[in-house]
Amino acid sequence: MKKAVVNGQEISGESVQFELDRLVRFYMSHGMSMDEVKANLPKLEEKALEQAIGAKLLLDRSAQLEVPVTAADIDGEVAKVIEQVGGEENFKKALEAQGITEEAFRKELEKGARVNRLVEQACAGVPDPTDDEVAAFFEAHKEEYVEPEQVLCQHILVKGTDDAALDKIKAIRERVVNGGDFAEEAKKNSDCPSGAEGGSLGWFGRGMMVPEFDKVAFEMKKGEVSGIVTTQFGYHIIYKADQKGGGKLTLVDVHDQIKDLLRHESRGRAMDAFVAELRDKANVTYM
């Protein structure tokens, strides 16, 4: 991966990775599959580097302009972080683990808040996408908007592939198919952490589980208990609680998602123009 130096300061790998993670999350939330992410990774890495350069230029510019941020603004940002980590105690533990004081953390938040204010100023004149624009985008890309097939399953795992493990999973399955409670059997006997939740794996799509497990889970009928499934983890039995998806989505289904994507792109163009002005006055070199 290329590196860059902005006005004598090298862009850190952590900064580029932060931007890459954001890009991947954004595009996956708008329909890009993991396979597509992997196929486009070189382009995404290049874009992440450019965004990290832009972030550095914006950070420096916001400091030069002394974009106003109040203590109340930072208090609000700190409150959001505290809520995200699950309370004041967890917040303090997180700061301690990172070796940073609350004062230093607040200063970093202040830098971020200044950049956010600068971004809002740069994008102030960008209009929201209209419903006609959203509809036109959907018409041009509607074949891409398909709800992936998903299943809702519980499972019980017995680790190992020896005779004792096989006998144990056989006995569990026999109790279940004869009317035993699957969730209770999972709580008592499963070697998977999901056992504490009655073996629940939640909703998952194709390719998210190991191949042997994945194949059985998607071929089963709703309400069935599988035979014994052997994977690298040991022996499993699966209960398929529900299934959904595999159908085309409508404009109503994806309206807000498309509007968000178009808004992101239009704001992105405005920011590209703003950052381009900053780059013209900066010294950016690649390594």
Protein backbone atom coordinates (compact mmCIF):
# COMPACT_ATOMS: atom_id res chain seq x y z
CA MET A 1 0.00 0.00 0.00
CA LYS A 2 1.24 3.49 -0.86
CA LYS A 3 2.10 5.96 1.86
CA ALA A 4 1.81 9.72 1.83
CA VAL A 5 3.44 12.74 3.48
CA VAL A 6 1.43 15.94 3.97
CA ASN A 7 3.37 19.14 4.69
CA GLY A 8 6.25 17.10 6.09
CA GLN A 9 4.08 14.78 8.24
CA GLU A 10 3.58 11.15 7.25
CA ILE A 11 0.01 9.83 7.23
CA SER A 12 -0.06 6.98 9.74
CA GLY A 13 -1.13 3.47 8.83
CA GLU A 14 -3.72 3.70 11.58
CA SER A 15 -5.31 6.72 9.90
CA VAL A 16 -5.53 4.90 6.57
CA GLN A 17 -6.96 1.77 8.22
CA PHE A 18 -9.56 3.89 10.02
CA GLU A 19 -10.72 5.34 6.70
CA LEU A 20 -10.66 1.89 5.05
CA ASP A 21 -12.82 0.42 7.81
CA ARG A 22 -15.30 3.26 7.40
CA LEU A 23 -15.46 2.73 3.65
CA VAL A 24 -16.02 -1.01 3.99
CA ARG A 25 -18.78 -0.51 6.58
CA PHE A 26 -20.48 2.10 4.40
CA TYR A 27 -20.44 0.11 1.17
CA MET A 28 -21.46 -3.14 2.88
CA SER A 29 -24.39 -1.31 4.47
CA HIS A 30 -25.41 -0.31 0.94
CA GLY A 31 -25.36 -3.79 -0.56
CA MET A 32 -21.71 -4.57 -1.32
CA SER A 33 -20.91 -8.19 -0.49
CA MET A 34 -17.72 -9.34 1.24
CA ASP A 35 -16.57 -10.93 -2.03
CA GLU A 36 -17.05 -7.58 -3.79
CA VAL A 37 -15.13 -5.84 -1.01
CA LYS A 38 -12.21 -8.25 -1.49
CA ALA A 39 -12.30 -7.82 -5.27
CA ASN A 40 -12.26 -4.01 -4.92
CA LEU A 41 -9.82 -3.87 -2.00
CA PRO A 42 -6.93 -2.21 -3.93
CA LYS A 43 -9.26 0.59 -5.07
CA LEU A 44 -10.71 0.93 -1.57
CA GLU A 45 -7.21 1.15 -0.08
CA GLU A 46 -6.31 3.93 -2.53
CA LYS A 47 -9.50 5.78 -1.66
CA ALA A 48 -8.81 5.30 2.06
CA LEU A 49 -5.36 6.86 1.65
CA GLU A 50 -6.84 9.83 -0.20
CA GLN A 51 -9.47 10.25 2.52
CA ALA A 52 -6.77 10.10 5.20
CA ILE A 53 -4.88 12.84 3.34
CA GLY A 54 -8.07 14.87 3.15
CA ALA A 55 -8.74 14.34 6.84
CA LYS A 56 -5.25 15.61 7.67
CA LEU A 57 -5.74 18.70 5.50
CA LEU A 58 -9.13 19.37 7.09
CA LEU A 59 -7.70 18.90 10.58
CA ASP A 60 -4.92 21.38 9.89
CA ARG A 61 -7.31 23.86 8.26
CA SER A 62 -9.82 23.71 11.11
CA ALA A 63 -7.00 24.44 13.56
CA GLN A 64 -5.83 27.41 11.49
CA LEU A 65 -9.33 28.88 11.31
CA GLU A 66 -10.04 28.12 14.98
CA VAL A 67 -13.49 26.81 14.08
CA PRO A 68 -15.56 27.44 17.22
CA VAL A 69 -16.46 24.46 19.40
CA THR A 70 -17.96 24.95 22.85
CA ALA A 71 -17.41 22.94 26.02
CA ALA A 72 -21.07 21.94 25.80
CA ASP A 73 -20.41 20.48 22.34
CA ILE A 74 -17.63 18.31 23.76
CA ASP A 75 -19.74 17.34 26.77
CA GLY A 76 -22.33 16.07 24.31
CA GLU A 77 -19.73 14.03 22.39
CA VAL A 78 -18.37 12.53 25.62
CA ALA A 79 -21.92 11.60 26.66
CA LYS A 80 -22.39 9.76 23.35
CA VAL A 81 -19.19 7.79 23.88
CA ILE A 82 -20.17 6.91 27.45
CA GLU A 83 -23.52 5.61 26.22
CA GLN A 84 -21.84 3.59 23.45
CA VAL A 85 -19.44 1.83 25.84
CA GLY A 86 -22.13 1.08 28.41
CA GLY A 87 -21.66 3.66 31.15
CA GLU A 88 -19.22 5.86 33.04
CA GLU A 89 -17.31 2.97 34.62
CA ASN A 90 -16.65 1.30 31.24
CA PHE A 91 -15.64 4.66 29.82
CA LYS A 92 -13.00 5.15 32.51
CA LYS A 93 -11.72 1.61 32.05
CA ALA A 94 -11.43 2.18 28.29
CA LEU A 95 -9.41 5.36 28.82
CA GLU A 96 -7.15 3.57 31.28
CA ALA A 97 -6.65 0.66 28.87
CA GLN A 98 -5.60 3.10 26.14
CA GLY A 99 -3.33 5.00 28.50
CA ILE A 100 -5.08 8.33 27.88
CA THR A 101 -6.50 10.87 30.30
CA GLU A 102 -10.02 12.21 29.97
CA GLU A 103 -8.57 15.67 29.31
CA ALA A 104 -6.47 14.35 26.41
CA PHE A 105 -9.48 12.43 25.09
CA ARG A 106 -11.60 15.58 25.19
CA LYS A 107 -8.91 17.43 23.20
CA GLU A 108 -9.05 14.73 20.51
CA LEU A 109 -12.83 15.00 20.44
CA GLU A 110 -12.49 18.75 20.09
CA LYS A 111 -10.26 18.30 17.03
CA GLY A 112 -12.83 15.97 15.49
CA ALA A 113 -15.67 18.34 16.29
CA ARG A 114 -13.82 21.23 14.63
CA VAL A 115 -13.36 19.14 11.48
CA ASN A 116 -17.05 18.18 11.52
CA ARG A 117 -18.01 21.84 11.73
CA LEU A 118 -15.71 22.62 8.81
CA VAL A 119 -17.23 19.79 6.78
CA GLU A 120 -20.74 21.07 7.50
CA GLN A 121 -19.71 24.52 6.33
CA ALA A 122 -18.24 23.10 3.11
CA CYS A 123 -21.41 21.08 2.42
CA ALA A 124 -23.90 23.73 3.51
CA GLY A 125 -25.09 24.40 -0.05
CA VAL A 126 -25.47 20.77 -1.11
CA PRO A 127 -29.18 19.94 -1.61
CA ASP A 128 -30.71 16.65 -0.50
CA PRO A 129 -31.51 14.16 -3.27
CA THR A 130 -35.07 14.48 -4.59
CA ASP A 131 -37.55 11.61 -4.73
CA ASP A 132 -37.25 11.67 -8.54
CA GLU A 133 -33.47 11.24 -8.29
CA VAL A 134 -33.90 8.36 -5.85
CA ALA A 135 -36.44 6.69 -8.16
CA ALA A 136 -34.18 7.15 -11.20
CA PHE A 137 -31.25 5.58 -9.37
CA PHE A 138 -33.40 2.64 -8.32
CA GLU A 139 -34.60 2.05 -11.88
CA ALA A 140 -31.02 2.03 -13.12
CA HIS A 141 -29.84 -0.38 -10.40
CA LYS A 142 -32.92 -2.33 -9.32
CA GLU A 143 -31.42 -5.69 -10.33
CA GLU A 144 -28.81 -5.11 -7.61
CA TYR A 145 -31.42 -4.71 -4.88
CA VAL A 146 -32.18 -8.26 -3.83
CA GLU A 147 -32.75 -9.35 -0.24
CA PRO A 148 -30.22 -12.13 0.44
CA GLU A 149 -31.57 -15.46 1.63
CA GLN A 150 -31.18 -15.87 5.39
CA VAL A 151 -31.96 -18.56 7.96
CA LEU A 152 -32.62 -18.43 11.69
CA CYS A 153 -31.08 -21.42 13.44
CA GLN A 154 -30.13 -22.91 16.76
CA HIS A 155 -27.47 -25.55 17.12
CA ILE A 156 -25.86 -27.86 19.64
CA LEU A 157 -22.14 -28.60 19.38
CA VAL A 158 -20.23 -31.47 20.92
CA LYS A 159 -16.52 -30.91 20.43
CA GLY A 160 -14.33 -33.71 19.15
CA THR A 161 -14.87 -36.47 16.61
CA ASP A 162 -14.23 -39.54 18.73
CA ASP A 163 -16.76 -42.25 19.60
CA ALA A 164 -17.65 -40.65 22.93
CA ALA A 165 -18.52 -37.33 21.27
CA LEU A 166 -20.55 -39.14 18.59
CA ASP A 167 -22.48 -41.13 21.17
CA LYS A 168 -23.22 -37.94 23.11
CA ILE A 169 -24.59 -36.00 20.11
CA LYS A 170 -26.66 -39.03 19.04
CA ALA A 171 -28.26 -39.21 22.50
CA ILE A 172 -28.99 -35.47 22.48
CA ARG A 173 -30.58 -35.67 19.05
CA GLU A 174 -32.74 -38.63 20.05
CA ARG A 175 -34.08 -36.71 23.06
CA VAL A 176 -34.83 -33.66 20.88
CA VAL A 177 -36.66 -35.53 18.10
CA ASN A 178 -38.68 -37.36 20.74
CA GLY A 179 -40.04 -34.10 22.11
CA GLY A 180 -37.18 -32.69 24.16
CA ASP A 181 -36.65 -28.94 24.33
CA PHE A 182 -33.85 -27.97 21.93
CA ALA A 183 -32.93 -24.78 23.81
CA GLU A 184 -32.70 -26.59 27.14
CA GLU A 185 -30.54 -29.32 25.62
CA ALA A 186 -28.28 -26.61 24.18
CA LYS A 187 -27.95 -24.87 27.54
CA LYS A 188 -27.03 -28.11 29.28
CA ASN A 189 -24.89 -29.83 26.67
CA SER A 190 -23.59 -27.55 23.92
CA ASP A 191 -19.86 -26.82 23.82
CA CYS A 192 -20.51 -23.62 21.85
CA PRO A 193 -20.85 -20.28 23.71
CA SER A 194 -24.24 -19.95 21.98
CA GLY A 195 -25.47 -22.70 24.30
CA ALA A 196 -26.09 -20.07 26.96
CA GLU A 197 -28.67 -18.55 24.58
CA GLY A 198 -30.33 -21.87 23.83
CA GLY A 199 -28.01 -22.47 20.89
CA SER A 200 -29.28 -19.43 18.98
CA LEU A 201 -27.10 -18.28 16.09
CA GLY A 202 -29.49 -15.53 15.02
CA TRP A 203 -30.11 -14.74 11.36
CA PHE A 204 -27.26 -15.49 8.98
CA GLY A 205 -26.72 -15.59 5.23
CA ARG A 206 -24.96 -18.00 2.92
CA GLY A 207 -21.22 -18.27 3.41
CA MET A 208 -21.22 -17.03 7.00
CA MET A 209 -20.80 -20.50 8.51
CA VAL A 210 -18.33 -23.26 7.67
CA PRO A 211 -19.34 -25.01 4.42
CA GLU A 212 -20.62 -28.27 5.94
CA PHE A 213 -22.85 -26.40 8.40
CA ASP A 214 -23.93 -23.81 5.82
CA LYS A 215 -25.05 -26.44 3.28
CA VAL A 216 -27.27 -28.30 5.75
CA ALA A 217 -28.78 -25.14 7.29
CA PHE A 218 -29.96 -23.81 3.92
CA GLU A 219 -31.17 -27.16 2.57
CA MET A 220 -33.28 -27.98 5.64
CA LYS A 221 -36.96 -27.14 5.84
CA LYS A 222 -38.29 -24.70 8.41
CA GLY A 223 -39.03 -26.50 11.69
CA GLU A 224 -36.72 -29.44 11.01
CA VAL A 225 -33.95 -30.87 13.19
CA SER A 226 -30.94 -31.92 11.17
CA GLY A 227 -29.04 -35.15 11.24
CA ILE A 228 -25.56 -35.10 12.74
CA VAL A 229 -23.33 -32.58 10.97
CA THR A 230 -19.56 -32.97 11.18
CA THR A 231 -17.33 -29.89 10.94
CA GLN A 232 -13.84 -28.92 12.03
CA PHE A 233 -15.34 -28.00 15.41
CA GLY A 234 -16.96 -31.35 16.14
CA TYR A 235 -20.49 -32.75 15.86
CA HIS A 236 -23.58 -30.54 15.52
CA ILE A 237 -27.31 -30.83 15.31
CA ILE A 238 -29.24 -27.88 13.88
CA TYR A 239 -32.79 -26.65 14.38
CA LYS A 240 -34.06 -24.36 11.63
CA ALA A 241 -36.51 -21.91 13.18
CA ASP A 242 -37.21 -19.68 10.18
CA GLN A 243 -36.02 -18.49 6.77
CA LYS A 244 -36.49 -15.36 4.68
CA GLY A 245 -35.23 -13.43 1.71
CA GLY A 246 -34.10 -14.35 -1.73
CA GLY A 247 -36.53 -11.88 -3.34
CA LYS A 248 -36.29 -8.54 -5.12
CA LEU A 249 -36.65 -5.38 -3.05
CA THR A 250 -38.97 -2.52 -3.99
CA LEU A 251 -38.30 1.21 -4.17
CA VAL A 252 -40.17 1.60 -0.87
CA ASP A 253 -37.85 -0.94 0.75
CA VAL A 254 -34.66 0.85 -0.28
CA HIS A 255 -35.76 4.50 -0.66
CA ASP A 256 -33.99 5.76 2.46
CA GLN A 257 -30.93 3.66 1.76
CA ILE A 258 -30.58 5.10 -1.76
CA LYS A 259 -31.24 8.63 -0.53
CA ASP A 260 -28.46 8.22 2.03
CA LEU A 261 -26.11 6.90 -0.67
CA LEU A 262 -26.87 9.79 -3.06
CA ARG A 263 -26.52 12.31 -0.23
CA HIS A 264 -23.17 10.77 0.69
CA GLU A 265 -21.99 10.99 -2.93
CA SER A 266 -23.11 14.59 -3.45
CA ARG A 267 -21.54 15.71 -0.18
CA GLY A 268 -18.47 13.74 -1.16
CA ARG A 269 -18.17 15.71 -4.40
CA ALA A 270 -18.46 18.96 -2.49
CA MET A 271 -15.78 17.82 -0.05
CA ASP A 272 -13.55 16.65 -2.90
CA ALA A 273 -13.69 20.15 -4.37
CA PHE A 274 -12.98 21.74 -0.98
CA VAL A 275 -10.10 19.38 -0.22
CA ALA A 276 -8.72 19.91 -3.75
CA GLU A 277 -8.40 23.62 -2.93
CA LEU A 278 -6.53 22.74 0.26
CA ARG A 279 -4.27 20.31 -1.63
CA ASP A 280 -3.34 23.00 -4.13
CA LYS A 281 -1.81 24.96 -1.26
CA ALA A 282 -0.25 21.94 0.46
CA ASN A 283 2.81 19.77 -0.17
CA VAL A 284 1.59 16.18 -0.67
CA THR A 285 4.06 13.48 -1.72
CA TYR A 286 3.71 9.70 -2.04
CA MET A 287 6.12 6.96 -1.05
